[in-house]
Structure formats: C-alpha cells, structure tokens
Amino acid sequence: VRPFIAGTTIGAVIAALRHTPGAIAGVPLADTLKRCRDGKITG
C-alpha cells in the first residue's frame, strides 16, 4: 500500500547495498514531537 514508490528511490536503495548489509528508504522528521499521556503533553 505504498504505490508511489519512485524508481529513483528503488535505485538508491540498491546502490547503497553495494556498501552495507541493509538500506532503507525514509524521510527526516520535520514536525516537533510531543510525548503525551492521557491526552496531556508530558514532554
């Protein structure tokens, strides 16, 4: 259910495997992250 995988991303993952046992696609987090409990922010 990730139908919009780009060919360039597939190629980049394959290329990385020349140098490492594993490689995955991902994106850096941009949003501020909050830890919550019972609907209240704890940190």
PDB file of all heavy atoms in Angstrom:
ATOM      1  N   VAL A   1       0.819  -1.216   0.000  1.00  0.00           N
ATOM      2  CA  VAL A   1       0.000   0.000   0.000  1.00  0.00           C
ATOM      3  C   VAL A   1       0.856   1.270   0.000  1.00  0.00           C
ATOM      4  O   VAL A   1       0.434   2.323   0.466  1.00  0.00           O
ATOM      5  CB  VAL A   1      -0.992   0.005   1.184  1.00  0.00           C
ATOM      6  CG1 VAL A   1      -2.090  -1.006   0.954  1.00  0.00           C
ATOM      7  CG2 VAL A   1      -0.284  -0.266   2.501  1.00  0.00           C
ATOM      8  N   ARG A   2       2.052   1.170  -0.577  1.00  0.00           N
ATOM      9  CA  ARG A   2       2.875   2.355  -0.886  1.00  0.00           C
ATOM     10  C   ARG A   2       3.034   2.393  -2.413  1.00  0.00           C
ATOM     11  O   ARG A   2       4.085   2.031  -2.949  1.00  0.00           O
ATOM     12  CB  ARG A   2       4.239   2.279  -0.208  1.00  0.00           C
ATOM     13  CG  ARG A   2       4.217   2.391   1.306  1.00  0.00           C
ATOM     14  CD  ARG A   2       5.632   2.433   1.877  1.00  0.00           C
ATOM     15  NE  ARG A   2       5.668   2.316   3.316  1.00  0.00           N
ATOM     16  CZ  ARG A   2       5.629   3.326   4.165  1.00  0.00           C
ATOM     17  NH1 ARG A   2       5.566   4.568   3.702  1.00  0.00           N
ATOM     18  NH2 ARG A   2       5.679   3.124   5.466  1.00  0.00           N
ATOM     19  N   PRO A   3       1.984   2.822  -3.127  1.00  0.00           N
ATOM     20  CA  PRO A   3       2.008   2.708  -4.586  1.00  0.00           C
ATOM     21  C   PRO A   3       2.852   3.746  -5.308  1.00  0.00           C
ATOM     22  O   PRO A   3       3.111   3.606  -6.506  1.00  0.00           O
ATOM     23  CB  PRO A   3       0.537   2.873  -4.962  1.00  0.00           C
ATOM     24  CG  PRO A   3      -0.023   3.758  -3.890  1.00  0.00           C
ATOM     25  CD  PRO A   3       0.684   3.337  -2.631  1.00  0.00           C
ATOM     26  N   PHE A   4       3.297   4.800  -4.599  1.00  0.00           N
ATOM     27  CA  PHE A   4       4.009   5.884  -5.271  1.00  0.00           C
ATOM     28  C   PHE A   4       5.514   5.812  -5.065  1.00  0.00           C
ATOM     29  O   PHE A   4       6.197   6.836  -5.062  1.00  0.00           O
ATOM     30  CB  PHE A   4       3.473   7.235  -4.795  1.00  0.00           C
ATOM     31  CG  PHE A   4       2.021   7.440  -5.119  1.00  0.00           C
ATOM     32  CD1 PHE A   4       1.100   7.683  -4.114  1.00  0.00           C
ATOM     33  CD2 PHE A   4       1.574   7.357  -6.422  1.00  0.00           C
ATOM     34  CE1 PHE A   4      -0.240   7.859  -4.405  1.00  0.00           C
ATOM     35  CE2 PHE A   4       0.232   7.527  -6.728  1.00  0.00           C
ATOM     36  CZ  PHE A   4      -0.684   7.777  -5.718  1.00  0.00           C
ATOM     37  N   ILE A   5       6.038   4.613  -4.916  1.00  0.00           N
ATOM     38  CA  ILE A   5       7.481   4.466  -4.772  1.00  0.00           C
ATOM     39  C   ILE A   5       8.157   4.881  -6.077  1.00  0.00           C
ATOM     40  O   ILE A   5       7.786   4.427  -7.165  1.00  0.00           O
ATOM     41  CB  ILE A   5       7.850   3.021  -4.386  1.00  0.00           C
ATOM     42  CG1 ILE A   5       9.360   2.847  -4.332  1.00  0.00           C
ATOM     43  CG2 ILE A   5       7.207   2.007  -5.324  1.00  0.00           C
ATOM     44  CD1 ILE A   5      10.034   3.738  -3.318  1.00  0.00           C
ATOM     45  N   ALA A   6       9.128   5.763  -5.973  1.00  0.00           N
ATOM     46  CA  ALA A   6       9.818   6.280  -7.158  1.00  0.00           C
ATOM     47  C   ALA A   6      10.920   5.319  -7.591  1.00  0.00           C
ATOM     48  O   ALA A   6      11.597   4.702  -6.759  1.00  0.00           O
ATOM     49  CB  ALA A   6      10.417   7.649  -6.859  1.00  0.00           C
ATOM     50  N   GLY A   7      11.115   5.225  -8.879  1.00  0.00           N
ATOM     51  CA  GLY A   7      12.201   4.404  -9.393  1.00  0.00           C
ATOM     52  C   GLY A   7      13.559   4.853  -8.893  1.00  0.00           C
ATOM     53  O   GLY A   7      14.455   4.034  -8.660  1.00  0.00           O
ATOM     54  N   THR A   8      13.720   6.163  -8.700  1.00  0.00           N
ATOM     55  CA  THR A   8      14.995   6.666  -8.185  1.00  0.00           C
ATOM     56  C   THR A   8      15.258   6.189  -6.767  1.00  0.00           C
ATOM     57  O   THR A   8      16.402   5.918  -6.396  1.00  0.00           O
ATOM     58  CB  THR A   8      15.017   8.199  -8.225  1.00  0.00           C
ATOM     59  OG1 THR A   8      13.840   8.708  -7.582  1.00  0.00           O
ATOM     60  CG2 THR A   8      15.072   8.714  -9.657  1.00  0.00           C
ATOM     61  N   THR A   9      14.198   6.055  -5.969  1.00  0.00           N
ATOM     62  CA  THR A   9      14.365   5.560  -4.601  1.00  0.00           C
ATOM     63  C   THR A   9      14.732   4.079  -4.617  1.00  0.00           C
ATOM     64  O   THR A   9      15.620   3.639  -3.861  1.00  0.00           O
ATOM     65  CB  THR A   9      13.085   5.776  -3.785  1.00  0.00           C
ATOM     66  OG1 THR A   9      12.771   7.177  -3.765  1.00  0.00           O
ATOM     67  CG2 THR A   9      13.250   5.288  -2.356  1.00  0.00           C
ATOM     68  N   ILE A  10      14.065   3.302  -5.459  1.00  0.00           N
ATOM     69  CA  ILE A  10      14.433   1.888  -5.598  1.00  0.00           C
ATOM     70  C   ILE A  10      15.907   1.774  -5.975  1.00  0.00           C
ATOM     71  O   ILE A  10      16.666   0.993  -5.384  1.00  0.00           O
ATOM     72  CB  ILE A  10      13.548   1.205  -6.655  1.00  0.00           C
ATOM     73  CG1 ILE A  10      12.087   1.168  -6.195  1.00  0.00           C
ATOM     74  CG2 ILE A  10      14.049  -0.216  -6.945  1.00  0.00           C
ATOM     75  CD1 ILE A  10      11.108   0.688  -7.256  1.00  0.00           C
ATOM     76  N   GLY A  11      16.321   2.569  -6.948  1.00  0.00           N
ATOM     77  CA  GLY A  11      17.712   2.528  -7.382  1.00  0.00           C
ATOM     78  C   GLY A  11      18.682   2.948  -6.297  1.00  0.00           C
ATOM     79  O   GLY A  11      19.778   2.376  -6.165  1.00  0.00           O
ATOM     80  N   ALA A  12      18.308   3.934  -5.492  1.00  0.00           N
ATOM     81  CA  ALA A  12      19.191   4.411  -4.425  1.00  0.00           C
ATOM     82  C   ALA A  12      19.364   3.356  -3.337  1.00  0.00           C
ATOM     83  O   ALA A  12      20.462   3.187  -2.785  1.00  0.00           O
ATOM     84  CB  ALA A  12      18.641   5.700  -3.829  1.00  0.00           C
ATOM     85  N   VAL A  13      18.285   2.649  -3.001  1.00  0.00           N
ATOM     86  CA  VAL A  13      18.390   1.575  -2.008  1.00  0.00           C
ATOM     87  C   VAL A  13      19.312   0.475  -2.531  1.00  0.00           C
ATOM     88  O   VAL A  13      20.197  -0.025  -1.812  1.00  0.00           O
ATOM     89  CB  VAL A  13      16.999   1.010  -1.660  1.00  0.00           C
ATOM     90  CG1 VAL A  13      17.119  -0.252  -0.814  1.00  0.00           C
ATOM     91  CG2 VAL A  13      16.174   2.054  -0.916  1.00  0.00           C
ATOM     92  N   ILE A  14      19.142   0.094  -3.785  1.00  0.00           N
ATOM     93  CA  ILE A  14      20.001  -0.938  -4.373  1.00  0.00           C
ATOM     94  C   ILE A  14      21.455  -0.481  -4.382  1.00  0.00           C
ATOM     95  O   ILE A  14      22.365  -1.249  -4.031  1.00  0.00           O
ATOM     96  CB  ILE A  14      19.522  -1.272  -5.796  1.00  0.00           C
ATOM     97  CG1 ILE A  14      18.155  -1.964  -5.750  1.00  0.00           C
ATOM     98  CG2 ILE A  14      20.531  -2.161  -6.514  1.00  0.00           C
ATOM     99  CD1 ILE A  14      17.493  -2.129  -7.105  1.00  0.00           C
ATOM    100  N   ALA A  15      21.697   0.765  -4.757  1.00  0.00           N
ATOM    101  CA  ALA A  15      23.068   1.279  -4.811  1.00  0.00           C
ATOM    102  C   ALA A  15      23.729   1.244  -3.436  1.00  0.00           C
ATOM    103  O   ALA A  15      24.916   0.914  -3.311  1.00  0.00           O
ATOM    104  CB  ALA A  15      23.074   2.700  -5.373  1.00  0.00           C
ATOM    105  N   ALA A  16      22.965   1.577  -2.397  1.00  0.00           N
ATOM    106  CA  ALA A  16      23.524   1.582  -1.040  1.00  0.00           C
ATOM    107  C   ALA A  16      23.948   0.183  -0.604  1.00  0.00           C
ATOM    108  O   ALA A  16      24.869   0.036   0.218  1.00  0.00           O
ATOM    109  CB  ALA A  16      22.512   2.158  -0.066  1.00  0.00           C
ATOM    110  N   LEU A  17      23.306  -0.844  -1.145  1.00  0.00           N
ATOM    111  CA  LEU A  17      23.626  -2.218  -0.742  1.00  0.00           C
ATOM    112  C   LEU A  17      24.973  -2.685  -1.270  1.00  0.00           C
ATOM    113  O   LEU A  17      25.444  -3.762  -0.888  1.00  0.00           O
ATOM    114  CB  LEU A  17      22.516  -3.166  -1.201  1.00  0.00           C
ATOM    115  CG  LEU A  17      21.176  -2.973  -0.497  1.00  0.00           C
ATOM    116  CD1 LEU A  17      20.113  -3.879  -1.103  1.00  0.00           C
ATOM    117  CD2 LEU A  17      21.302  -3.235   1.004  1.00  0.00           C
ATOM    118  N   ARG A  18      25.605  -1.899  -2.113  1.00  0.00           N
ATOM    119  CA  ARG A  18      26.978  -2.223  -2.526  1.00  0.00           C
ATOM    120  C   ARG A  18      27.946  -2.076  -1.355  1.00  0.00           C
ATOM    121  O   ARG A  18      29.038  -2.648  -1.373  1.00  0.00           O
ATOM    122  CB  ARG A  18      27.422  -1.306  -3.661  1.00  0.00           C
ATOM    123  CG  ARG A  18      26.593  -1.409  -4.924  1.00  0.00           C
ATOM    124  CD  ARG A  18      27.191  -0.528  -6.015  1.00  0.00           C
ATOM    125  NE  ARG A  18      26.284  -0.366  -7.135  1.00  0.00           N
ATOM    126  CZ  ARG A  18      25.948   0.798  -7.671  1.00  0.00           C
ATOM    127  NH1 ARG A  18      26.462   1.923  -7.181  1.00  0.00           N
ATOM    128  NH2 ARG A  18      25.117   0.863  -8.700  1.00  0.00           N
ATOM    129  N   HIS A  19      27.556  -1.285  -0.357  1.00  0.00           N
ATOM    130  CA  HIS A  19      28.485  -0.929   0.709  1.00  0.00           C
ATOM    131  C   HIS A  19      28.011  -1.345   2.103  1.00  0.00           C
ATOM    132  O   HIS A  19      28.746  -1.144   3.080  1.00  0.00           O
ATOM    133  CB  HIS A  19      28.719   0.584   0.713  1.00  0.00           C
ATOM    134  CG  HIS A  19      29.006   1.153  -0.644  1.00  0.00           C
ATOM    135  ND1 HIS A  19      30.172   0.901  -1.332  1.00  0.00           N
ATOM    136  CD2 HIS A  19      28.251   1.937  -1.472  1.00  0.00           C
ATOM    137  CE1 HIS A  19      30.141   1.517  -2.508  1.00  0.00           C
ATOM    138  NE2 HIS A  19      28.990   2.149  -2.614  1.00  0.00           N
ATOM    139  N   THR A  20      26.796  -1.877   2.216  1.00  0.00           N
ATOM    140  CA  THR A  20      26.248  -2.164   3.548  1.00  0.00           C
ATOM    141  C   THR A  20      25.282  -3.342   3.469  1.00  0.00           C
ATOM    142  O   THR A  20      24.708  -3.602   2.400  1.00  0.00           O
ATOM    143  CB  THR A  20      25.519  -0.904   4.089  1.00  0.00           C
ATOM    144  OG1 THR A  20      25.073  -1.136   5.418  1.00  0.00           O
ATOM    145  CG2 THR A  20      24.328  -0.544   3.218  1.00  0.00           C
ATOM    146  N   PRO A  21      25.103  -4.078   4.576  1.00  0.00           N
ATOM    147  CA  PRO A  21      24.199  -5.234   4.553  1.00  0.00           C
ATOM    148  C   PRO A  21      22.739  -4.863   4.334  1.00  0.00           C
ATOM    149  O   PRO A  21      21.963  -5.675   3.834  1.00  0.00           O
ATOM    150  CB  PRO A  21      24.388  -5.867   5.934  1.00  0.00           C
ATOM    151  CG  PRO A  21      25.703  -5.380   6.417  1.00  0.00           C
ATOM    152  CD  PRO A  21      25.865  -4.008   5.847  1.00  0.00           C
ATOM    153  N   GLY A  22      22.349  -3.643   4.735  1.00  0.00           N
ATOM    154  CA  GLY A  22      20.951  -3.249   4.606  1.00  0.00           C
ATOM    155  C   GLY A  22      20.830  -1.774   4.321  1.00  0.00           C
ATOM    156  O   GLY A  22      21.708  -0.976   4.680  1.00  0.00           O
ATOM    157  N   ALA A  23      19.745  -1.383   3.664  1.00  0.00           N
ATOM    158  CA  ALA A  23      19.476   0.035   3.385  1.00  0.00           C
ATOM    159  C   ALA A  23      17.978   0.208   3.239  1.00  0.00           C
ATOM    160  O   ALA A  23      17.310  -0.613   2.616  1.00  0.00           O
ATOM    161  CB  ALA A  23      20.185   0.487   2.119  1.00  0.00           C
ATOM    162  N   ILE A  24      17.449   1.284   3.829  1.00  0.00           N
ATOM    163  CA  ILE A  24      16.015   1.517   3.763  1.00  0.00           C
ATOM    164  C   ILE A  24      15.737   2.949   3.321  1.00  0.00           C
ATOM    165  O   ILE A  24      16.578   3.838   3.471  1.00  0.00           O
ATOM    166  CB  ILE A  24      15.320   1.247   5.118  1.00  0.00           C
ATOM    167  CG1 ILE A  24      15.602   2.359   6.126  1.00  0.00           C
ATOM    168  CG2 ILE A  24      15.740  -0.102   5.678  1.00  0.00           C
ATOM    169  CD1 ILE A  24      14.775   2.260   7.404  1.00  0.00           C
ATOM    170  N   ALA A  25      14.538   3.139   2.770  1.00  0.00           N
ATOM    171  CA  ALA A  25      14.091   4.473   2.400  1.00  0.00           C
ATOM    172  C   ALA A  25      13.456   5.160   3.609  1.00  0.00           C
ATOM    173  O   ALA A  25      12.853   4.495   4.462  1.00  0.00           O
ATOM    174  CB  ALA A  25      13.078   4.387   1.258  1.00  0.00           C
ATOM    175  N   GLY A  26      13.583   6.479   3.648  1.00  0.00           N
ATOM    176  CA  GLY A  26      12.968   7.218   4.747  1.00  0.00           C
ATOM    177  C   GLY A  26      13.033   8.711   4.509  1.00  0.00           C
ATOM    178  O   GLY A  26      13.647   9.178   3.545  1.00  0.00           O
ATOM    179  N   VAL A  27      12.373   9.460   5.376  1.00  0.00           N
ATOM    180  CA  VAL A  27      12.392  10.920   5.298  1.00  0.00           C
ATOM    181  C   VAL A  27      12.672  11.486   6.693  1.00  0.00           C
ATOM    182  O   VAL A  27      12.185  10.951   7.698  1.00  0.00           O
ATOM    183  CB  VAL A  27      11.062  11.493   4.754  1.00  0.00           C
ATOM    184  CG1 VAL A  27      10.861  11.117   3.301  1.00  0.00           C
ATOM    185  CG2 VAL A  27       9.887  11.017   5.572  1.00  0.00           C
ATOM    186  N   PRO A  28      13.465  12.552   6.770  1.00  0.00           N
ATOM    187  CA  PRO A  28      13.745  13.149   8.082  1.00  0.00           C
ATOM    188  C   PRO A  28      12.498  13.803   8.662  1.00  0.00           C
ATOM    189  O   PRO A  28      11.666  14.338   7.929  1.00  0.00           O
ATOM    190  CB  PRO A  28      14.836  14.178   7.787  1.00  0.00           C
ATOM    191  CG  PRO A  28      14.679  14.479   6.331  1.00  0.00           C
ATOM    192  CD  PRO A  28      14.163  13.241   5.670  1.00  0.00           C
ATOM    193  N   LEU A  29      12.382  13.758   9.963  1.00  0.00           N
ATOM    194  CA  LEU A  29      11.242  14.379  10.632  1.00  0.00           C
ATOM    195  C   LEU A  29      11.345  15.898  10.551  1.00  0.00           C
ATOM    196  O   LEU A  29      12.403  16.480  10.791  1.00  0.00           O
ATOM    197  CB  LEU A  29      11.195  13.957  12.096  1.00  0.00           C
ATOM    198  CG  LEU A  29      10.657  12.554  12.377  1.00  0.00           C
ATOM    199  CD1 LEU A  29      10.815  12.227  13.850  1.00  0.00           C
ATOM    200  CD2 LEU A  29       9.197  12.441  11.978  1.00  0.00           C
ATOM    201  N   ALA A  30      10.219  16.511  10.246  1.00  0.00           N
ATOM    202  CA  ALA A  30      10.162  17.977  10.192  1.00  0.00           C
ATOM    203  C   ALA A  30       9.334  18.549  11.330  1.00  0.00           C
ATOM    204  O   ALA A  30       9.549  19.694  11.748  1.00  0.00           O
ATOM    205  CB  ALA A  30       9.580  18.423   8.856  1.00  0.00           C
ATOM    206  N   ASP A  31       8.384  17.806  11.850  1.00  0.00           N
ATOM    207  CA  ASP A  31       7.490  18.303  12.886  1.00  0.00           C
ATOM    208  C   ASP A  31       8.117  18.157  14.274  1.00  0.00           C
ATOM    209  O   ASP A  31       8.932  17.271  14.527  1.00  0.00           O
ATOM    210  CB  ASP A  31       6.167  17.528  12.880  1.00  0.00           C
ATOM    211  CG  ASP A  31       5.397  17.710  11.583  1.00  0.00           C
ATOM    212  OD1 ASP A  31       5.441  18.814  11.034  1.00  0.00           O
ATOM    213  OD2 ASP A  31       4.777  16.741  11.130  1.00  0.00           O
ATOM    214  N   THR A  32       7.707  19.038  15.176  1.00  0.00           N
ATOM    215  CA  THR A  32       8.071  18.892  16.577  1.00  0.00           C
ATOM    216  C   THR A  32       7.308  17.702  17.164  1.00  0.00           C
ATOM    217  O   THR A  32       6.118  17.528  16.907  1.00  0.00           O
ATOM    218  CB  THR A  32       7.729  20.168  17.360  1.00  0.00           C
ATOM    219  OG1 THR A  32       8.491  21.245  16.822  1.00  0.00           O
ATOM    220  CG2 THR A  32       8.051  20.008  18.841  1.00  0.00           C
ATOM    221  N   LEU A  33       7.991  16.896  17.935  1.00  0.00           N
ATOM    222  CA  LEU A  33       7.389  15.687  18.506  1.00  0.00           C
ATOM    223  C   LEU A  33       7.046  15.912  19.973  1.00  0.00           C
ATOM    224  O   LEU A  33       7.862  16.423  20.738  1.00  0.00           O
ATOM    225  CB  LEU A  33       8.346  14.503  18.381  1.00  0.00           C
ATOM    226  CG  LEU A  33       8.746  14.100  16.965  1.00  0.00           C
ATOM    227  CD1 LEU A  33       9.710  12.922  17.012  1.00  0.00           C
ATOM    228  CD2 LEU A  33       7.527  13.747  16.141  1.00  0.00           C
ATOM    229  N   LYS A  34       5.854  15.501  20.353  1.00  0.00           N
ATOM    230  CA  LYS A  34       5.404  15.601  21.744  1.00  0.00           C
ATOM    231  C   LYS A  34       5.072  14.211  22.276  1.00  0.00           C
ATOM    232  O   LYS A  34       4.441  13.409  21.596  1.00  0.00           O
ATOM    233  CB  LYS A  34       4.157  16.482  21.843  1.00  0.00           C
ATOM    234  CG  LYS A  34       4.343  17.925  21.383  1.00  0.00           C
ATOM    235  CD  LYS A  34       5.276  18.696  22.299  1.00  0.00           C
ATOM    236  CE  LYS A  34       5.359  20.160  21.885  1.00  0.00           C
ATOM    237  NZ  LYS A  34       6.281  20.934  22.754  1.00  0.00           N
ATOM    238  N   ARG A  35       5.509  13.950  23.477  1.00  0.00           N
ATOM    239  CA  ARG A  35       5.099  12.720  24.168  1.00  0.00           C
ATOM    240  C   ARG A  35       3.891  13.055  25.032  1.00  0.00           C
ATOM    241  O   ARG A  35       3.900  14.045  25.776  1.00  0.00           O
ATOM    242  CB  ARG A  35       6.245  12.168  25.022  1.00  0.00           C
ATOM    243  CG  ARG A  35       5.892  10.876  25.733  1.00  0.00           C
ATOM    244  CD  ARG A  35       7.091  10.273  26.473  1.00  0.00           C
ATOM    245  NE  ARG A  35       8.036   9.679  25.539  1.00  0.00           N
ATOM    246  CZ  ARG A  35       9.232  10.172  25.252  1.00  0.00           C
ATOM    247  NH1 ARG A  35       9.622  11.311  25.823  1.00  0.00           N
ATOM    248  NH2 ARG A  35      10.037   9.571  24.405  1.00  0.00           N
ATOM    249  N   CYS A  36       2.823  12.246  24.925  1.00  0.00           N
ATOM    250  CA  CYS A  36       1.580  12.528  25.646  1.00  0.00           C
ATOM    251  C   CYS A  36       1.140  11.310  26.448  1.00  0.00           C
ATOM    252  O   CYS A  36       1.421  10.167  26.090  1.00  0.00           O
ATOM    253  CB  CYS A  36       0.460  12.915  24.677  1.00  0.00           C
ATOM    254  SG  CYS A  36       0.790  14.417  23.737  1.00  0.00           S
ATOM    255  N   ARG A  37       0.397  11.593  27.511  1.00  0.00           N
ATOM    256  CA  ARG A  37      -0.234  10.544  28.307  1.00  0.00           C
ATOM    257  C   ARG A  37      -1.585  11.062  28.785  1.00  0.00           C
ATOM    258  O   ARG A  37      -1.669  12.182  29.298  1.00  0.00           O
ATOM    259  CB  ARG A  37       0.645  10.151  29.496  1.00  0.00           C
ATOM    260  CG  ARG A  37       0.068   9.017  30.346  1.00  0.00           C
ATOM    261  CD  ARG A  37       1.044   8.608  31.432  1.00  0.00           C
ATOM    262  NE  ARG A  37       2.293   8.112  30.858  1.00  0.00           N
ATOM    263  CZ  ARG A  37       3.436   8.004  31.527  1.00  0.00           C
ATOM    264  NH1 ARG A  37       3.486   8.384  32.791  1.00  0.00           N
ATOM    265  NH2 ARG A  37       4.525   7.533  30.926  1.00  0.00           N
ATOM    266  N   ASP A  38      -2.609  10.270  28.575  1.00  0.00           N
ATOM    267  CA  ASP A  38      -3.979  10.649  28.971  1.00  0.00           C
ATOM    268  C   ASP A  38      -4.384  11.997  28.372  1.00  0.00           C
ATOM    269  O   ASP A  38      -5.046  12.820  29.024  1.00  0.00           O
ATOM    270  CB  ASP A  38      -4.109  10.691  30.501  1.00  0.00           C
ATOM    271  CG  ASP A  38      -3.831   9.334  31.136  1.00  0.00           C
ATOM    272  OD1 ASP A  38      -4.167   8.312  30.515  1.00  0.00           O
ATOM    273  OD2 ASP A  38      -3.261   9.315  32.239  1.00  0.00           O
ATOM    274  N   GLY A  39      -3.965  12.227  27.143  1.00  0.00           N
ATOM    275  CA  GLY A  39      -4.360  13.445  26.444  1.00  0.00           C
ATOM    276  C   GLY A  39      -3.586  14.686  26.831  1.00  0.00           C
ATOM    277  O   GLY A  39      -3.908  15.779  26.359  1.00  0.00           O
ATOM    278  N   LYS A  40      -2.541  14.543  27.662  1.00  0.00           N
ATOM    279  CA  LYS A  40      -1.757  15.697  28.082  1.00  0.00           C
ATOM    280  C   LYS A  40      -0.297  15.507  27.702  1.00  0.00           C
ATOM    281  O   LYS A  40       0.243  14.400  27.757  1.00  0.00           O
ATOM    282  CB  LYS A  40      -1.873  15.902  29.596  1.00  0.00           C
ATOM    283  CG  LYS A  40      -3.291  16.258  30.045  1.00  0.00           C
ATOM    284  CD  LYS A  40      -3.339  16.484  31.543  1.00  0.00           C
ATOM    285  CE  LYS A  40      -4.756  16.852  31.995  1.00  0.00           C
ATOM    286  NZ  LYS A  40      -4.829  17.062  33.459  1.00  0.00           N
ATOM    287  N   ILE A  41       0.342  16.613  27.304  1.00  0.00           N
ATOM    288  CA  ILE A  41       1.741  16.565  26.915  1.00  0.00           C
ATOM    289  C   ILE A  41       2.609  16.353  28.143  1.00  0.00           C
ATOM    290  O   ILE A  41       2.486  17.061  29.150  1.00  0.00           O
ATOM    291  CB  ILE A  41       2.137  17.867  26.198  1.00  0.00           C
ATOM    292  CG1 ILE A  41       1.395  17.978  24.865  1.00  0.00           C
ATOM    293  CG2 ILE A  41       3.647  17.923  25.966  1.00  0.00           C
ATOM    294  CD1 ILE A  41       1.588  19.302  24.174  1.00  0.00           C
ATOM    295  N   THR A  42       3.498  15.365  28.041  1.00  0.00           N
ATOM    296  CA  THR A  42       4.429  15.096  29.148  1.00  0.00           C
ATOM    297  C   THR A  42       5.860  15.461  28.802  1.00  0.00           C
ATOM    298  O   THR A  42       6.734  15.432  29.663  1.00  0.00           O
ATOM    299  CB  THR A  42       4.366  13.613  29.542  1.00  0.00           C
ATOM    300  OG1 THR A  42       4.752  12.808  28.419  1.00  0.00           O
ATOM    301  CG2 THR A  42       2.964  13.227  29.997  1.00  0.00           C
ATOM    302  N   GLY A  43       6.115  15.808  27.547  1.00  0.00           N
ATOM    303  CA  GLY A  43       7.467  16.201  27.181  1.00  0.00           C
ATOM    304  C   GLY A  43       7.609  16.410  25.686  1.00  0.00           C
ATOM    305  O   GLY A  43       6.739  16.032  24.901  1.00  0.00           O
TER     306      GLY A  43
END
